[in-house]
């Protein structure tokens, strides 16, 4: 699980510097994640999959990201987000991960395979 969290952090950094998101994300300080056994129902208006586990918050003010484990497979987790948020403005497969972008790339959901479940990484750049 930890290796997936570290990989997803790297992926979040790649996504913000790639053509998937137009604006550059600059971080002035080292962010220390906050780990919680109890996950919130949503993160900056983006819902978390029911019964989310192992939440790790990477900042309390924007830009911010949250990683967690979902008990469903990658496709079922994607379907949950499409049902809850509607069709993504942009959807890509990037290194085996599903990347969904909303609100002009200001909110990004990355879904990775993680054993029998999925790791979900949410990046929120602004609260448009």
N, C-alpha and C. Protein backbone atom coordinates (compact mmCIF):
# COMPACT_ATOMS: atom_id res chain seq x y z
N UNK A 1 0.83 -1.19 0.00
CA UNK A 1 0.00 0.00 0.00
C UNK A 1 0.87 1.25 0.00
N UNK A 2 1.93 1.27 0.82
CA UNK A 2 2.79 2.45 0.90
C UNK A 2 3.46 2.72 -0.43
N UNK A 3 3.88 1.66 -1.15
CA UNK A 3 4.53 1.90 -2.43
C UNK A 3 3.54 2.53 -3.42
N UNK A 4 2.26 2.16 -3.32
CA UNK A 4 1.26 2.77 -4.19
C UNK A 4 1.03 4.23 -3.82
N UNK A 5 1.06 4.55 -2.54
CA UNK A 5 0.91 5.94 -2.12
C UNK A 5 2.07 6.77 -2.64
N UNK A 6 3.28 6.23 -2.53
CA UNK A 6 4.45 6.95 -3.04
C UNK A 6 4.39 7.09 -4.55
N UNK A 7 3.96 6.01 -5.25
CA UNK A 7 3.83 6.08 -6.70
C UNK A 7 2.76 7.09 -7.09
N UNK A 8 1.65 7.13 -6.34
CA UNK A 8 0.57 8.06 -6.69
C UNK A 8 1.00 9.50 -6.46
N UNK A 9 1.81 9.73 -5.44
CA UNK A 9 2.32 11.08 -5.21
C UNK A 9 3.16 11.51 -6.40
N UNK A 10 3.99 10.59 -6.90
CA UNK A 10 4.79 10.89 -8.09
C UNK A 10 3.88 11.12 -9.29
N UNK A 11 2.82 10.31 -9.40
CA UNK A 11 1.89 10.47 -10.51
C UNK A 11 1.19 11.82 -10.44
N UNK A 12 0.78 12.23 -9.23
CA UNK A 12 0.15 13.54 -9.09
C UNK A 12 1.10 14.64 -9.57
N UNK A 13 2.36 14.49 -9.24
CA UNK A 13 3.34 15.48 -9.67
C UNK A 13 3.49 15.45 -11.19
N UNK A 14 3.48 14.24 -11.79
CA UNK A 14 3.57 14.13 -13.24
C UNK A 14 2.35 14.75 -13.90
N UNK A 15 1.18 14.49 -13.36
CA UNK A 15 -0.05 15.01 -13.95
C UNK A 15 -0.04 16.53 -13.94
N UNK A 16 0.39 17.12 -12.85
CA UNK A 16 0.37 18.57 -12.77
C UNK A 16 1.38 19.20 -13.70
N UNK A 17 2.44 18.47 -14.08
CA UNK A 17 3.44 19.06 -14.96
C UNK A 17 3.24 18.64 -16.41
N UNK A 18 2.28 17.76 -16.68
CA UNK A 18 2.07 17.30 -18.04
C UNK A 18 1.03 18.17 -18.75
N UNK A 19 0.71 17.75 -19.95
CA UNK A 19 -0.29 18.49 -20.73
C UNK A 19 -1.70 18.25 -20.23
N UNK A 20 -1.89 17.33 -19.27
CA UNK A 20 -3.22 17.07 -18.75
C UNK A 20 -3.78 18.28 -18.03
N UNK A 21 -2.91 19.05 -17.38
CA UNK A 21 -3.33 20.23 -16.65
C UNK A 21 -2.52 21.40 -17.17
N UNK A 22 -3.20 22.44 -17.61
CA UNK A 22 -2.52 23.55 -18.26
C UNK A 22 -1.68 24.39 -17.31
N UNK A 23 -2.17 24.61 -16.13
CA UNK A 23 -1.47 25.49 -15.20
C UNK A 23 -0.39 24.73 -14.45
N UNK A 24 0.68 25.42 -14.11
CA UNK A 24 1.75 24.83 -13.30
C UNK A 24 1.34 24.88 -11.83
N UNK A 25 1.68 23.85 -11.08
CA UNK A 25 1.42 23.79 -9.64
C UNK A 25 2.73 24.02 -8.94
N UNK A 26 2.82 25.07 -8.16
CA UNK A 26 4.07 25.32 -7.45
C UNK A 26 3.83 25.12 -5.96
N UNK A 27 4.72 24.36 -5.36
CA UNK A 27 4.64 24.09 -3.93
C UNK A 27 5.86 24.71 -3.28
N UNK A 28 5.61 25.65 -2.36
CA UNK A 28 6.69 26.39 -1.73
C UNK A 28 7.28 25.68 -0.53
N UNK A 29 6.59 24.69 -0.01
CA UNK A 29 7.06 24.05 1.21
C UNK A 29 6.94 22.55 1.08
N UNK A 30 7.64 21.86 1.94
CA UNK A 30 7.54 20.41 2.00
C UNK A 30 6.23 20.06 2.70
N UNK A 31 5.43 19.20 2.11
CA UNK A 31 4.14 18.84 2.67
C UNK A 31 4.27 17.51 3.40
N UNK A 32 3.88 17.49 4.65
CA UNK A 32 3.86 16.27 5.44
C UNK A 32 2.44 15.75 5.47
N UNK A 33 2.23 14.52 5.00
CA UNK A 33 0.86 14.01 4.95
C UNK A 33 0.29 13.74 6.34
N UNK A 34 -1.03 13.88 6.43
CA UNK A 34 -1.77 13.53 7.63
C UNK A 34 -2.52 12.25 7.33
N UNK A 35 -2.31 11.22 8.14
CA UNK A 35 -2.96 9.93 7.92
C UNK A 35 -4.12 9.80 8.88
N UNK A 36 -5.27 9.35 8.36
CA UNK A 36 -6.47 9.19 9.18
C UNK A 36 -7.08 7.83 8.92
N UNK A 37 -7.47 7.13 9.98
CA UNK A 37 -8.16 5.86 9.82
C UNK A 37 -9.62 6.08 9.43
N UNK A 38 -10.17 7.23 9.79
CA UNK A 38 -11.55 7.57 9.44
C UNK A 38 -11.49 8.58 8.29
N UNK A 39 -12.07 8.20 7.17
CA UNK A 39 -12.03 9.05 5.99
C UNK A 39 -13.26 9.96 5.94
N UNK A 40 -13.11 11.15 5.40
CA UNK A 40 -14.27 12.03 5.26
C UNK A 40 -15.19 11.52 4.15
N UNK A 41 -16.41 12.02 4.11
CA UNK A 41 -17.35 11.64 3.05
C UNK A 41 -16.98 12.28 1.72
N UNK A 42 -16.34 13.47 1.79
CA UNK A 42 -15.91 14.13 0.57
C UNK A 42 -14.66 14.97 0.84
N UNK A 43 -14.03 15.40 -0.23
CA UNK A 43 -12.82 16.20 -0.17
C UNK A 43 -13.00 17.35 -1.15
N UNK A 44 -13.21 18.56 -0.63
CA UNK A 44 -13.47 19.73 -1.47
C UNK A 44 -14.55 19.43 -2.50
N UNK A 45 -15.67 18.97 -2.07
CA UNK A 45 -16.88 18.64 -2.85
C UNK A 45 -16.74 17.38 -3.70
N UNK A 46 -15.59 16.74 -3.74
CA UNK A 46 -15.45 15.48 -4.48
C UNK A 46 -15.71 14.33 -3.51
N UNK A 47 -16.65 13.44 -3.87
CA UNK A 47 -16.99 12.34 -2.95
C UNK A 47 -15.89 11.29 -2.88
N UNK A 48 -15.84 10.59 -1.77
CA UNK A 48 -14.97 9.43 -1.63
C UNK A 48 -15.82 8.18 -1.76
N UNK A 49 -15.25 7.13 -2.31
CA UNK A 49 -15.95 5.87 -2.46
C UNK A 49 -16.43 5.41 -1.08
N UNK A 50 -17.63 4.84 -0.98
CA UNK A 50 -18.13 4.39 0.33
C UNK A 50 -17.14 3.45 1.02
N UNK A 51 -17.02 3.61 2.32
CA UNK A 51 -16.12 2.81 3.15
C UNK A 51 -14.66 2.97 2.77
N UNK A 52 -14.27 4.17 2.34
CA UNK A 52 -12.88 4.46 2.01
C UNK A 52 -11.99 4.20 3.23
N UNK A 53 -10.76 3.74 2.97
CA UNK A 53 -9.84 3.40 4.06
C UNK A 53 -8.47 4.03 3.79
N UNK A 54 -7.67 4.13 4.84
CA UNK A 54 -6.29 4.57 4.76
C UNK A 54 -6.15 5.95 4.10
N UNK A 55 -6.95 6.91 4.53
CA UNK A 55 -6.89 8.25 3.96
C UNK A 55 -5.59 8.95 4.36
N UNK A 56 -5.01 9.61 3.39
CA UNK A 56 -3.78 10.35 3.62
C UNK A 56 -3.96 11.72 2.96
N UNK A 57 -4.00 12.75 3.80
CA UNK A 57 -4.23 14.12 3.35
C UNK A 57 -2.90 14.84 3.18
N UNK A 58 -2.70 15.47 2.02
CA UNK A 58 -1.47 16.17 1.72
C UNK A 58 -1.68 17.68 1.67
N UNK A 59 -2.21 18.27 2.66
CA UNK A 59 -2.36 19.70 2.90
C UNK A 59 -3.81 20.02 3.17
N UNK A 60 -4.02 21.01 4.01
CA UNK A 60 -5.38 21.38 4.40
C UNK A 60 -5.86 22.61 3.64
N UNK A 61 -4.97 23.28 2.94
CA UNK A 61 -5.40 24.41 2.11
C UNK A 61 -4.97 24.15 0.66
N UNK A 62 -5.63 24.79 -0.25
CA UNK A 62 -5.40 24.53 -1.67
C UNK A 62 -4.09 25.14 -2.15
N UNK A 63 -3.42 24.47 -3.08
CA UNK A 63 -3.74 23.16 -3.65
C UNK A 63 -3.52 22.05 -2.63
N UNK A 64 -4.32 21.02 -2.72
CA UNK A 64 -4.25 19.92 -1.76
C UNK A 64 -4.57 18.61 -2.46
N UNK A 65 -4.15 17.51 -1.84
CA UNK A 65 -4.47 16.20 -2.39
C UNK A 65 -4.78 15.22 -1.26
N UNK A 66 -5.51 14.19 -1.62
CA UNK A 66 -5.91 13.16 -0.69
C UNK A 66 -5.78 11.83 -1.41
N UNK A 67 -5.19 10.84 -0.75
CA UNK A 67 -5.10 9.48 -1.27
C UNK A 67 -5.86 8.55 -0.34
N UNK A 68 -6.52 7.54 -0.91
CA UNK A 68 -7.22 6.56 -0.08
C UNK A 68 -7.39 5.26 -0.83
N UNK A 69 -7.78 4.23 -0.10
CA UNK A 69 -8.03 2.91 -0.65
C UNK A 69 -9.54 2.69 -0.77
N UNK A 70 -9.98 2.25 -1.95
CA UNK A 70 -11.38 1.89 -2.18
C UNK A 70 -11.47 0.37 -2.30
N UNK A 71 -12.50 -0.21 -1.73
CA UNK A 71 -12.64 -1.66 -1.71
C UNK A 71 -13.13 -2.23 -3.03
N UNK A 72 -13.33 -1.42 -4.04
CA UNK A 72 -13.79 -1.90 -5.34
C UNK A 72 -12.66 -1.82 -6.36
N UNK A 73 -12.84 -2.55 -7.44
CA UNK A 73 -11.86 -2.54 -8.52
C UNK A 73 -11.81 -1.20 -9.24
N UNK A 74 -10.84 -1.07 -10.11
CA UNK A 74 -10.59 0.19 -10.81
C UNK A 74 -11.80 0.65 -11.62
N UNK A 75 -12.40 -0.25 -12.38
CA UNK A 75 -13.53 0.14 -13.23
C UNK A 75 -14.77 0.51 -12.40
N UNK A 76 -15.04 -0.25 -11.34
CA UNK A 76 -16.19 0.07 -10.48
C UNK A 76 -15.99 1.42 -9.79
N UNK A 77 -14.76 1.71 -9.40
CA UNK A 77 -14.47 3.00 -8.77
C UNK A 77 -14.65 4.13 -9.78
N UNK A 78 -14.20 3.92 -11.01
CA UNK A 78 -14.40 4.92 -12.06
C UNK A 78 -15.90 5.15 -12.28
N UNK A 79 -16.68 4.06 -12.34
CA UNK A 79 -18.12 4.18 -12.54
C UNK A 79 -18.77 4.97 -11.41
N UNK A 80 -18.29 4.78 -10.18
CA UNK A 80 -18.79 5.55 -9.04
C UNK A 80 -18.59 7.05 -9.29
N UNK A 81 -17.39 7.44 -9.71
CA UNK A 81 -17.13 8.86 -9.94
C UNK A 81 -17.93 9.40 -11.12
N UNK A 82 -18.09 8.61 -12.17
CA UNK A 82 -18.91 9.08 -13.29
C UNK A 82 -20.37 9.24 -12.87
N UNK A 83 -20.86 8.35 -12.02
CA UNK A 83 -22.23 8.46 -11.53
C UNK A 83 -22.38 9.67 -10.62
N UNK A 84 -21.43 9.90 -9.74
CA UNK A 84 -21.51 10.99 -8.77
C UNK A 84 -21.22 12.36 -9.38
N UNK A 85 -20.27 12.43 -10.31
CA UNK A 85 -19.81 13.72 -10.83
C UNK A 85 -20.20 13.97 -12.29
N UNK A 86 -20.71 12.96 -12.94
CA UNK A 86 -21.01 13.09 -14.35
C UNK A 86 -19.77 12.78 -15.18
N UNK A 87 -19.95 12.86 -16.48
CA UNK A 87 -18.84 12.56 -17.38
C UNK A 87 -17.69 13.55 -17.15
N UNK A 88 -16.49 13.04 -17.12
CA UNK A 88 -15.31 13.89 -16.93
C UNK A 88 -15.08 14.74 -18.17
N UNK A 89 -14.56 15.94 -17.96
CA UNK A 89 -14.21 16.80 -19.09
C UNK A 89 -13.07 16.19 -19.89
N UNK A 90 -12.21 15.44 -19.20
CA UNK A 90 -11.11 14.75 -19.86
C UNK A 90 -10.88 13.44 -19.12
N UNK A 91 -10.71 12.37 -19.87
CA UNK A 91 -10.43 11.06 -19.28
C UNK A 91 -9.30 10.42 -20.07
N UNK A 92 -8.28 9.96 -19.35
CA UNK A 92 -7.13 9.33 -20.00
C UNK A 92 -6.69 8.13 -19.18
N UNK A 93 -6.01 7.20 -19.86
CA UNK A 93 -5.28 6.13 -19.19
C UNK A 93 -3.83 6.57 -19.21
N UNK A 94 -3.20 6.64 -18.05
CA UNK A 94 -1.81 7.05 -17.95
C UNK A 94 -1.08 6.02 -17.10
N UNK A 95 -0.24 5.22 -17.75
CA UNK A 95 0.52 4.17 -17.06
C UNK A 95 -0.38 3.24 -16.26
N UNK A 96 -1.49 2.83 -16.86
CA UNK A 96 -2.41 1.89 -16.21
C UNK A 96 -3.34 2.52 -15.20
N UNK A 97 -3.30 3.84 -15.09
CA UNK A 97 -4.16 4.55 -14.14
C UNK A 97 -5.22 5.34 -14.91
N UNK A 98 -6.41 5.38 -14.37
CA UNK A 98 -7.49 6.17 -14.97
C UNK A 98 -7.38 7.58 -14.39
N UNK A 99 -7.33 8.58 -15.27
CA UNK A 99 -7.23 9.98 -14.85
C UNK A 99 -8.48 10.71 -15.33
N UNK A 100 -9.27 11.20 -14.38
CA UNK A 100 -10.49 11.95 -14.68
C UNK A 100 -10.28 13.40 -14.26
N UNK A 101 -10.58 14.33 -15.17
CA UNK A 101 -10.43 15.74 -14.84
C UNK A 101 -11.78 16.45 -14.90
N UNK A 102 -11.99 17.30 -13.91
CA UNK A 102 -13.22 18.08 -13.80
C UNK A 102 -12.86 19.54 -13.60
N UNK A 103 -13.83 20.41 -13.91
CA UNK A 103 -13.70 21.85 -13.71
C UNK A 103 -12.42 22.41 -14.32
N UNK A 104 -12.23 22.12 -15.59
CA UNK A 104 -11.09 22.63 -16.37
C UNK A 104 -9.75 22.19 -15.78
N UNK A 105 -9.69 20.98 -15.26
CA UNK A 105 -8.45 20.44 -14.71
C UNK A 105 -8.13 20.90 -13.30
N UNK A 106 -9.04 21.64 -12.67
CA UNK A 106 -8.80 22.11 -11.31
C UNK A 106 -9.04 21.00 -10.28
N UNK A 107 -9.80 19.96 -10.67
CA UNK A 107 -10.05 18.82 -9.81
C UNK A 107 -9.75 17.56 -10.62
N UNK A 108 -8.84 16.73 -10.08
CA UNK A 108 -8.39 15.54 -10.79
C UNK A 108 -8.55 14.33 -9.88
N UNK A 109 -9.08 13.24 -10.45
CA UNK A 109 -9.22 11.98 -9.74
C UNK A 109 -8.40 10.94 -10.50
N UNK A 110 -7.47 10.28 -9.79
CA UNK A 110 -6.62 9.26 -10.39
C UNK A 110 -6.93 7.94 -9.70
N UNK A 111 -7.26 6.92 -10.49
CA UNK A 111 -7.67 5.63 -9.96
C UNK A 111 -6.66 4.57 -10.42
N UNK A 112 -6.00 3.93 -9.45
CA UNK A 112 -4.98 2.92 -9.73
C UNK A 112 -5.42 1.58 -9.17
N UNK A 113 -5.00 0.50 -9.82
CA UNK A 113 -5.24 -0.84 -9.29
C UNK A 113 -4.44 -0.99 -8.01
N UNK A 114 -5.04 -1.64 -7.02
CA UNK A 114 -4.36 -1.90 -5.75
C UNK A 114 -4.89 -3.22 -5.19
N UNK A 115 -4.26 -4.31 -5.56
CA UNK A 115 -4.75 -5.62 -5.13
C UNK A 115 -6.14 -5.86 -5.67
N UNK A 116 -7.07 -6.20 -4.78
CA UNK A 116 -8.46 -6.42 -5.21
C UNK A 116 -9.27 -5.13 -5.20
N UNK A 117 -8.67 -4.04 -4.76
CA UNK A 117 -9.35 -2.75 -4.71
C UNK A 117 -8.66 -1.73 -5.59
N UNK A 118 -8.79 -0.48 -5.21
CA UNK A 118 -8.21 0.62 -5.97
C UNK A 118 -7.61 1.64 -5.02
N UNK A 119 -6.58 2.30 -5.49
CA UNK A 119 -6.10 3.49 -4.79
C UNK A 119 -6.64 4.68 -5.55
N UNK A 120 -7.19 5.63 -4.82
CA UNK A 120 -7.74 6.83 -5.43
C UNK A 120 -6.95 8.01 -4.91
N UNK A 121 -6.49 8.84 -5.83
CA UNK A 121 -5.77 10.07 -5.49
C UNK A 121 -6.59 11.22 -6.04
N UNK A 122 -6.88 12.17 -5.19
CA UNK A 122 -7.65 13.35 -5.57
C UNK A 122 -6.77 14.57 -5.44
N UNK A 123 -6.69 15.35 -6.49
CA UNK A 123 -5.93 16.61 -6.48
C UNK A 123 -6.90 17.75 -6.72
N UNK A 124 -6.89 18.72 -5.84
CA UNK A 124 -7.75 19.90 -6.00
C UNK A 124 -6.83 21.11 -6.03
N UNK A 125 -6.80 21.81 -7.17
CA UNK A 125 -5.94 22.97 -7.31
C UNK A 125 -6.60 24.23 -6.80
N UNK A 126 -7.91 24.38 -7.11
CA UNK A 126 -8.64 25.56 -6.64
C UNK A 126 -10.10 25.16 -6.46
N UNK A 127 -10.85 26.04 -5.83
CA UNK A 127 -12.26 25.74 -5.53
C UNK A 127 -13.21 26.43 -6.47
N UNK A 128 -12.83 26.64 -7.68
CA UNK A 128 -13.64 27.33 -8.70
C UNK A 128 -15.09 27.46 -8.30
